[in-house]
C-alpha cells in the first residue's frame, strides 16, 4: 500500500491475527445468531490491521526524514574498521547481502559483507525497497552495540538501498 511517497507494509503476522479474529467472529455469529455483536466486533478486528499500518507508516516517515541527515554526516567505512570505539558514529557501508532475517516482521536484519569482513545491519522498520540475498547495497546507519550492555558492534540502519554492481573486465 502506498501513502504519499511512503510504501506501507502489513506483516503476515498482523494479517494472520486479523483473519483469525474475523473467522472467530463469523463462527460466533453463525453459532449464536447474535448479529448485533458485529457492531463492535468488526470495528475491533479492523483495528487489528489499522494499528500496525499506522505504526509502519509513522516509522517509515520518520526514517525517511532521517536519511538526508545521515547522508550529510555519514563517513564511508569498510566493515573491518567498524568496532566498539565507533559507537554513535554515522557510517556508510557498501557490500553484498549474505543473509536476510526477520523480514516477515517488518524488522529486517541483514548480514552485509565487503572484502574486509561482514557485519550485522539491523533495521527497525521495513526498507523503502526490497533487499534480498545477493544484492549489492549501500547502508546508512549508526554504529551501536548488539545488546544494550554488551556485544559486538552492529549498524542500526536508517537506509539500505540497492546499488549497481560494478563489472570488472
Protein backbone atom coordinates (compact mmCIF):
# COMPACT_ATOMS: atom_id res chain seq x y z
CA UNK A 1 0.00 0.00 0.00
CA UNK A 2 1.30 3.47 -0.86
CA UNK A 3 0.50 6.56 1.24
CA UNK A 4 2.05 9.60 -0.40
CA UNK A 5 5.62 8.65 -1.17
CA UNK A 6 5.81 6.07 1.63
CA UNK A 7 5.29 2.37 0.96
CA UNK A 8 3.42 0.87 3.92
CA UNK A 9 3.55 -2.86 4.58
CA UNK A 10 1.44 -5.12 6.76
CA UNK A 11 3.27 -8.07 8.26
CA UNK A 12 1.98 -11.59 7.62
CA UNK A 13 1.65 -11.99 11.39
CA UNK A 14 -0.71 -8.99 11.68
CA UNK A 15 -2.69 -10.24 8.69
CA UNK A 16 -2.96 -13.74 10.20
CA UNK A 17 -4.21 -12.31 13.53
CA UNK A 18 -6.80 -10.22 11.68
CA UNK A 19 -8.02 -13.22 9.64
CA UNK A 20 -8.11 -15.44 12.74
CA UNK A 21 -10.35 -12.99 14.59
CA UNK A 22 -12.59 -12.42 11.56
CA UNK A 23 -13.12 -16.20 11.31
CA UNK A 24 -13.72 -16.36 15.06
CA UNK A 25 -16.34 -13.59 14.80
CA UNK A 26 -18.03 -15.35 11.85
CA UNK A 27 -18.17 -18.64 13.77
CA UNK A 28 -19.60 -16.88 16.83
CA UNK A 29 -22.31 -15.12 14.81
CA UNK A 30 -23.17 -18.33 12.93
CA UNK A 31 -23.31 -20.40 16.14
CA UNK A 32 -25.29 -17.93 18.27
CA UNK A 33 -27.18 -15.87 15.72
CA UNK A 34 -26.18 -12.72 17.61
CA UNK A 35 -25.79 -10.31 14.69
CA UNK A 36 -25.70 -7.28 17.00
CA UNK A 37 -22.22 -8.28 18.18
CA UNK A 38 -20.93 -7.33 14.73
CA UNK A 39 -21.43 -3.67 15.70
CA UNK A 40 -18.40 -3.79 17.98
CA UNK A 41 -16.58 -6.94 16.78
CA UNK A 42 -15.90 -5.93 13.18
CA UNK A 43 -14.52 -2.45 14.01
CA UNK A 44 -12.37 -4.01 16.73
CA UNK A 45 -11.00 -6.56 14.26
CA UNK A 46 -10.35 -3.84 11.67
CA UNK A 47 -8.27 -2.01 14.27
CA UNK A 48 -6.02 -5.10 14.34
CA UNK A 49 -4.97 -4.10 10.80
CA UNK A 50 -5.18 -0.31 11.06
CA UNK A 51 -2.89 -0.01 14.09
CA UNK A 52 0.06 -1.91 12.51
CA UNK A 53 -0.45 0.06 9.26
CA UNK A 54 -0.37 3.36 11.15
CA UNK A 55 2.72 2.36 13.13
CA UNK A 56 4.54 1.25 9.98
CA UNK A 57 3.62 4.49 8.22
CA UNK A 58 4.90 6.61 11.12
CA UNK A 59 8.20 4.72 11.38
CA UNK A 60 8.70 4.84 7.58
CA UNK A 61 8.07 8.58 7.60
CA UNK A 62 10.49 9.13 10.48
CA UNK A 63 13.23 7.08 8.81
CA UNK A 64 12.70 8.92 5.51
CA UNK A 65 13.21 12.24 7.29
CA UNK A 66 16.48 10.98 8.82
CA UNK A 67 18.06 9.89 5.53
CA UNK A 68 19.24 13.38 4.42
CA UNK A 69 20.81 13.98 7.85
CA UNK A 70 22.63 10.65 7.77
CA UNK A 71 23.78 11.18 4.17
CA UNK A 72 25.33 14.51 5.15
CA UNK A 73 27.09 13.13 8.25
CA UNK A 74 27.99 9.58 7.18
CA UNK A 75 31.58 8.57 6.66
CA UNK A 76 32.27 5.83 4.10
CA UNK A 77 33.71 2.95 6.08
CA UNK A 78 34.93 -0.58 5.48
CA UNK A 79 33.38 -3.30 7.61
CA UNK A 80 36.73 -4.22 9.17
CA UNK A 81 37.10 -0.67 10.53
CA UNK A 82 33.83 -0.77 12.50
CA UNK A 83 34.37 -1.51 16.19
CA UNK A 84 33.07 -0.55 19.64
CA UNK A 85 35.23 2.60 19.65
CA UNK A 86 32.96 3.97 16.89
CA UNK A 87 29.73 3.78 18.94
CA UNK A 88 27.38 6.58 17.94
CA UNK A 89 29.20 7.38 14.69
CA UNK A 90 27.25 7.62 11.44
CA UNK A 91 28.64 5.33 8.74
CA UNK A 92 28.07 4.41 5.09
CA UNK A 93 28.94 0.85 4.12
CA UNK A 94 28.76 -0.75 0.68
CA UNK A 95 28.61 -4.51 0.41
CA UNK A 96 26.74 -7.65 -0.57
CA UNK A 97 23.80 -9.00 1.41
CA UNK A 98 24.72 -12.51 2.55
CA UNK A 99 21.65 -13.20 4.71
CA UNK A 100 18.25 -11.67 5.49
CA UNK A 101 16.46 -12.32 8.80
CA UNK A 102 13.05 -11.30 10.19
CA UNK A 103 11.82 -9.64 7.00
CA UNK A 104 8.35 -11.05 7.65
CA UNK A 105 8.13 -8.97 10.86
CA UNK A 106 9.00 -5.64 9.16
CA UNK A 107 12.12 -5.61 11.35
CA UNK A 108 14.71 -6.98 8.95
CA UNK A 109 18.28 -7.77 9.82
CA UNK A 110 20.90 -8.19 7.16
CA UNK A 111 24.34 -9.70 7.15
CA UNK A 112 26.30 -7.37 4.84
CA UNK A 113 29.82 -8.18 3.71
CA UNK A 114 32.50 -6.36 1.83
CA UNK A 115 36.01 -7.63 1.02
CA UNK A 116 37.19 -6.86 4.57
CA UNK A 117 34.53 -8.68 6.61
CA UNK A 118 30.86 -8.89 7.47
CA UNK A 119 28.57 -7.01 9.85
CA UNK A 120 25.03 -7.29 11.11
CA UNK A 121 22.74 -4.48 9.96
CA UNK A 122 19.51 -4.03 11.94
CA UNK A 123 16.56 -2.00 10.73
CA UNK A 124 13.54 -1.31 12.90
CA UNK A 125 11.12 -0.73 10.03
CA UNK A 126 10.72 -2.15 6.55
CA UNK A 127 13.13 -0.68 3.98
CA UNK A 128 11.95 1.50 1.11
CA UNK A 129 12.86 -1.20 -1.41
CA UNK A 130 13.01 -4.99 -1.23
CA UNK A 131 16.51 -6.18 -0.46
CA UNK A 132 17.34 -9.84 -0.90
CA UNK A 133 20.35 -12.11 -0.52
CA UNK A 134 22.97 -11.35 -3.17
CA UNK A 135 22.01 -7.69 -3.68
CA UNK A 136 24.78 -5.09 -3.64
CA UNK A 137 23.67 -2.41 -1.20
CA UNK A 138 24.62 0.85 0.43
CA UNK A 139 23.82 1.06 4.14
CA UNK A 140 23.45 4.30 6.08
CA UNK A 141 23.30 3.96 9.82
CA UNK A 142 24.80 4.41 13.24
CA UNK A 143 27.21 2.06 14.99
CA UNK A 144 25.63 0.58 18.13
CA UNK A 145 26.20 -2.39 20.44
CA UNK A 146 24.38 -5.57 19.53
CA UNK A 147 22.87 -5.75 23.01
CA UNK A 148 22.19 -2.98 25.47
CA UNK A 149 25.09 -3.66 27.83
CA UNK A 150 27.37 -5.92 25.82
CA UNK A 151 28.01 -7.40 22.42
CA UNK A 152 29.86 -6.55 19.26
CA UNK A 153 29.35 -3.53 17.04
CA UNK A 154 26.43 -3.59 14.59
CA UNK A 155 24.81 -0.97 12.40
CA UNK A 156 21.43 0.48 13.32
CA UNK A 157 20.29 1.10 9.75
CA UNK A 158 18.29 4.11 8.61
CA UNK A 159 18.53 3.37 4.88
CA UNK A 160 19.51 0.35 2.85
CA UNK A 161 19.29 0.63 -0.90
CA UNK A 162 20.49 -1.36 -3.86
CA UNK A 163 23.38 -0.02 -5.88
CA UNK A 164 24.68 -1.01 -9.29
CA UNK A 165 27.09 -3.91 -9.43
CA UNK A 166 30.46 -2.88 -10.83
CA UNK A 167 31.52 -5.08 -13.75
CA UNK A 168 35.26 -5.70 -13.97
CA UNK A 169 36.83 -6.92 -17.16
